[in-house]
Amino acid sequence: MRPDLKRILYMEDEKDIQSIARIALENAGGFTLKVCSSVQEAIESAAAFEPSLILLDVMMPGMDGFITYGELRKIPL
């Protein structure tokens, strides 16, 4: 693992996919993972969590991953 890549913010609304990602990224990969179930949660959590990497589900209710990406880019991380 790269020393600068430790914290991942992951936005996914499907609980089963969240579980699989958690197993792969935390348990197998050794990353610190912040799972967000909604766009609002991801936006509210991003600054405090200070992620090294953000993974976004493209098809989310309310706001898709592309629009969410634009909103997250406005936050100084």
N, C-alpha and C. Protein backbone atom coordinates (compact mmCIF):
# COMPACT_ATOMS: atom_id res chain seq x y z
N MET A 1 0.85 -1.18 0.00
CA MET A 1 0.00 0.00 0.00
C MET A 1 0.89 1.23 0.00
N ARG A 2 0.52 2.23 -0.78
CA ARG A 2 1.24 3.50 -0.78
C ARG A 2 1.01 4.18 0.55
N PRO A 3 2.04 4.78 1.14
CA PRO A 3 1.88 5.40 2.46
C PRO A 3 0.91 6.58 2.47
N ASP A 4 0.72 7.23 1.32
CA ASP A 4 -0.18 8.38 1.25
C ASP A 4 -1.62 7.98 0.93
N LEU A 5 -1.87 6.71 0.69
CA LEU A 5 -3.21 6.23 0.35
C LEU A 5 -3.70 5.33 1.47
N LYS A 6 -4.37 5.94 2.46
CA LYS A 6 -4.80 5.18 3.63
C LYS A 6 -6.29 5.27 3.88
N ARG A 7 -6.89 6.42 3.57
CA ARG A 7 -8.28 6.68 3.95
C ARG A 7 -9.15 6.80 2.69
N ILE A 8 -10.19 5.97 2.64
CA ILE A 8 -11.08 5.95 1.48
C ILE A 8 -12.49 6.31 1.91
N LEU A 9 -13.05 7.31 1.24
CA LEU A 9 -14.46 7.66 1.40
C LEU A 9 -15.21 6.93 0.29
N TYR A 10 -16.18 6.11 0.66
CA TYR A 10 -16.88 5.26 -0.29
C TYR A 10 -18.37 5.53 -0.21
N MET A 11 -18.97 5.94 -1.32
CA MET A 11 -20.39 6.25 -1.37
C MET A 11 -21.11 5.16 -2.16
N GLU A 12 -22.00 4.47 -1.46
CA GLU A 12 -22.77 3.37 -2.06
C GLU A 12 -24.06 3.20 -1.27
N ASP A 13 -25.19 3.12 -1.96
CA ASP A 13 -26.47 2.99 -1.27
C ASP A 13 -26.91 1.55 -1.05
N GLU A 14 -26.30 0.59 -1.72
CA GLU A 14 -26.67 -0.82 -1.58
C GLU A 14 -25.88 -1.45 -0.43
N LYS A 15 -26.58 -1.94 0.59
CA LYS A 15 -25.94 -2.49 1.78
C LYS A 15 -25.06 -3.70 1.48
N ASP A 16 -25.50 -4.59 0.58
CA ASP A 16 -24.69 -5.77 0.28
C ASP A 16 -23.39 -5.40 -0.43
N ILE A 17 -23.43 -4.41 -1.30
CA ILE A 17 -22.21 -3.95 -1.97
C ILE A 17 -21.30 -3.25 -0.98
N GLN A 18 -21.88 -2.50 -0.04
CA GLN A 18 -21.08 -1.87 1.02
C GLN A 18 -20.31 -2.93 1.80
N SER A 19 -20.97 -4.02 2.13
CA SER A 19 -20.34 -5.09 2.90
C SER A 19 -19.17 -5.72 2.15
N ILE A 20 -19.35 -5.96 0.87
CA ILE A 20 -18.29 -6.55 0.06
C ILE A 20 -17.11 -5.59 -0.03
N ALA A 21 -17.40 -4.31 -0.24
CA ALA A 21 -16.33 -3.31 -0.32
C ALA A 21 -15.59 -3.20 1.01
N ARG A 22 -16.32 -3.26 2.11
CA ARG A 22 -15.69 -3.18 3.43
C ARG A 22 -14.73 -4.35 3.64
N ILE A 23 -15.16 -5.55 3.28
CA ILE A 23 -14.30 -6.73 3.42
C ILE A 23 -13.04 -6.57 2.58
N ALA A 24 -13.22 -6.15 1.33
CA ALA A 24 -12.08 -6.03 0.42
C ALA A 24 -11.14 -4.90 0.82
N LEU A 25 -11.68 -3.75 1.18
CA LEU A 25 -10.83 -2.59 1.42
C LEU A 25 -10.27 -2.53 2.84
N GLU A 26 -11.08 -2.84 3.83
CA GLU A 26 -10.60 -2.79 5.22
C GLU A 26 -9.85 -4.06 5.60
N ASN A 27 -10.52 -5.18 5.49
CA ASN A 27 -9.95 -6.44 5.96
C ASN A 27 -8.79 -6.93 5.09
N ALA A 28 -8.98 -6.96 3.79
CA ALA A 28 -7.94 -7.46 2.90
C ALA A 28 -6.93 -6.38 2.52
N GLY A 29 -7.42 -5.15 2.32
CA GLY A 29 -6.53 -4.08 1.85
C GLY A 29 -5.86 -3.26 2.93
N GLY A 30 -6.41 -3.28 4.15
CA GLY A 30 -5.82 -2.53 5.24
C GLY A 30 -6.11 -1.04 5.23
N PHE A 31 -7.10 -0.62 4.47
CA PHE A 31 -7.46 0.79 4.39
C PHE A 31 -8.42 1.17 5.51
N THR A 32 -8.46 2.45 5.85
CA THR A 32 -9.50 3.00 6.72
C THR A 32 -10.62 3.45 5.80
N LEU A 33 -11.82 2.95 6.03
CA LEU A 33 -12.94 3.18 5.12
C LEU A 33 -14.05 3.92 5.82
N LYS A 34 -14.57 4.96 5.17
CA LYS A 34 -15.77 5.67 5.62
C LYS A 34 -16.83 5.38 4.57
N VAL A 35 -17.83 4.59 4.93
CA VAL A 35 -18.90 4.25 4.01
C VAL A 35 -20.05 5.23 4.20
N CYS A 36 -20.50 5.82 3.11
CA CYS A 36 -21.62 6.76 3.12
C CYS A 36 -22.74 6.17 2.28
N SER A 37 -23.95 6.18 2.83
CA SER A 37 -25.10 5.59 2.14
C SER A 37 -25.87 6.59 1.30
N SER A 38 -25.51 7.87 1.41
CA SER A 38 -26.22 8.90 0.64
C SER A 38 -25.25 9.98 0.20
N VAL A 39 -25.69 10.73 -0.78
CA VAL A 39 -24.91 11.87 -1.28
C VAL A 39 -24.68 12.87 -0.16
N GLN A 40 -25.72 13.18 0.56
CA GLN A 40 -25.61 14.17 1.64
C GLN A 40 -24.60 13.73 2.70
N GLU A 41 -24.63 12.47 3.06
CA GLU A 41 -23.69 11.95 4.04
C GLU A 41 -22.25 12.06 3.54
N ALA A 42 -22.03 11.78 2.27
CA ALA A 42 -20.68 11.88 1.69
C ALA A 42 -20.18 13.31 1.72
N ILE A 43 -21.04 14.24 1.33
CA ILE A 43 -20.65 15.65 1.31
C ILE A 43 -20.37 16.15 2.72
N GLU A 44 -21.21 15.76 3.67
CA GLU A 44 -21.03 16.21 5.06
C GLU A 44 -19.81 15.57 5.72
N SER A 45 -19.43 14.38 5.30
CA SER A 45 -18.33 13.65 5.94
C SER A 45 -16.96 13.94 5.34
N ALA A 46 -16.91 14.40 4.12
CA ALA A 46 -15.65 14.47 3.37
C ALA A 46 -14.58 15.31 4.07
N ALA A 47 -14.89 16.52 4.47
CA ALA A 47 -13.87 17.40 5.04
C ALA A 47 -13.31 16.85 6.35
N ALA A 48 -14.16 16.37 7.23
CA ALA A 48 -13.70 15.87 8.52
C ALA A 48 -12.92 14.56 8.37
N PHE A 49 -13.30 13.72 7.44
CA PHE A 49 -12.65 12.43 7.26
C PHE A 49 -11.29 12.56 6.55
N GLU A 50 -11.14 13.57 5.71
CA GLU A 50 -9.91 13.83 4.95
C GLU A 50 -9.44 12.61 4.15
N PRO A 51 -10.26 12.17 3.18
CA PRO A 51 -9.90 10.95 2.44
C PRO A 51 -8.72 11.16 1.50
N SER A 52 -7.97 10.08 1.29
CA SER A 52 -6.92 10.06 0.28
C SER A 52 -7.50 9.73 -1.08
N LEU A 53 -8.64 9.02 -1.05
CA LEU A 53 -9.30 8.55 -2.26
C LEU A 53 -10.80 8.55 -2.02
N ILE A 54 -11.56 8.92 -3.04
CA ILE A 54 -13.02 8.90 -2.96
C ILE A 54 -13.55 7.98 -4.05
N LEU A 55 -14.37 7.01 -3.66
CA LEU A 55 -15.03 6.10 -4.60
C LEU A 55 -16.52 6.40 -4.57
N LEU A 56 -17.09 6.69 -5.73
CA LEU A 56 -18.50 7.08 -5.80
C LEU A 56 -19.31 6.11 -6.66
N ASP A 57 -20.47 5.74 -6.16
CA ASP A 57 -21.46 5.02 -6.96
C ASP A 57 -22.02 6.03 -7.96
N VAL A 58 -22.06 5.67 -9.20
CA VAL A 58 -22.56 6.61 -10.22
C VAL A 58 -24.07 6.74 -10.16
N MET A 59 -24.78 5.67 -9.86
CA MET A 59 -26.25 5.71 -9.87
C MET A 59 -26.77 5.74 -8.44
N MET A 60 -26.99 6.95 -7.94
CA MET A 60 -27.50 7.16 -6.58
C MET A 60 -28.83 7.90 -6.66
N PRO A 61 -29.71 7.67 -5.70
CA PRO A 61 -30.96 8.43 -5.68
C PRO A 61 -30.70 9.90 -5.37
N GLY A 62 -31.38 10.77 -6.06
CA GLY A 62 -31.29 12.20 -5.79
C GLY A 62 -30.22 12.92 -6.57
N MET A 63 -28.99 12.44 -6.51
CA MET A 63 -27.88 13.09 -7.19
C MET A 63 -26.91 11.99 -7.61
N ASP A 64 -26.55 11.95 -8.88
CA ASP A 64 -25.66 10.87 -9.32
C ASP A 64 -24.21 11.15 -8.93
N GLY A 65 -23.36 10.18 -9.16
CA GLY A 65 -21.95 10.29 -8.79
C GLY A 65 -21.22 11.41 -9.49
N PHE A 66 -21.60 11.72 -10.71
CA PHE A 66 -20.93 12.79 -11.45
C PHE A 66 -21.21 14.16 -10.82
N ILE A 67 -22.45 14.40 -10.45
CA ILE A 67 -22.80 15.66 -9.80
C ILE A 67 -22.19 15.71 -8.39
N THR A 68 -22.21 14.59 -7.70
CA THR A 68 -21.61 14.51 -6.38
C THR A 68 -20.12 14.83 -6.46
N TYR A 69 -19.45 14.32 -7.47
CA TYR A 69 -18.04 14.60 -7.67
C TYR A 69 -17.81 16.11 -7.78
N GLY A 70 -18.65 16.79 -8.54
CA GLY A 70 -18.54 18.24 -8.68
C GLY A 70 -18.72 18.96 -7.35
N GLU A 71 -19.66 18.49 -6.55
CA GLU A 71 -19.89 19.09 -5.23
C GLU A 71 -18.72 18.83 -4.29
N LEU A 72 -18.18 17.63 -4.34
CA LEU A 72 -17.02 17.30 -3.48
C LEU A 72 -15.78 18.10 -3.87
N ARG A 73 -15.64 18.41 -5.13
CA ARG A 73 -14.49 19.20 -5.58
C ARG A 73 -14.50 20.62 -4.99
N LYS A 74 -15.64 21.09 -4.57
CA LYS A 74 -15.77 22.42 -3.97
C LYS A 74 -15.27 22.46 -2.53
N ILE A 75 -15.12 21.29 -1.92
CA ILE A 75 -14.71 21.19 -0.52
C ILE A 75 -13.19 21.11 -0.45
N PRO A 76 -12.55 21.99 0.31
CA PRO A 76 -11.08 21.88 0.44
C PRO A 76 -10.70 20.67 1.27
N LEU A 77 -10.06 19.71 0.64
CA LEU A 77 -9.65 18.48 1.32
C LEU A 77 -8.14 18.43 1.43
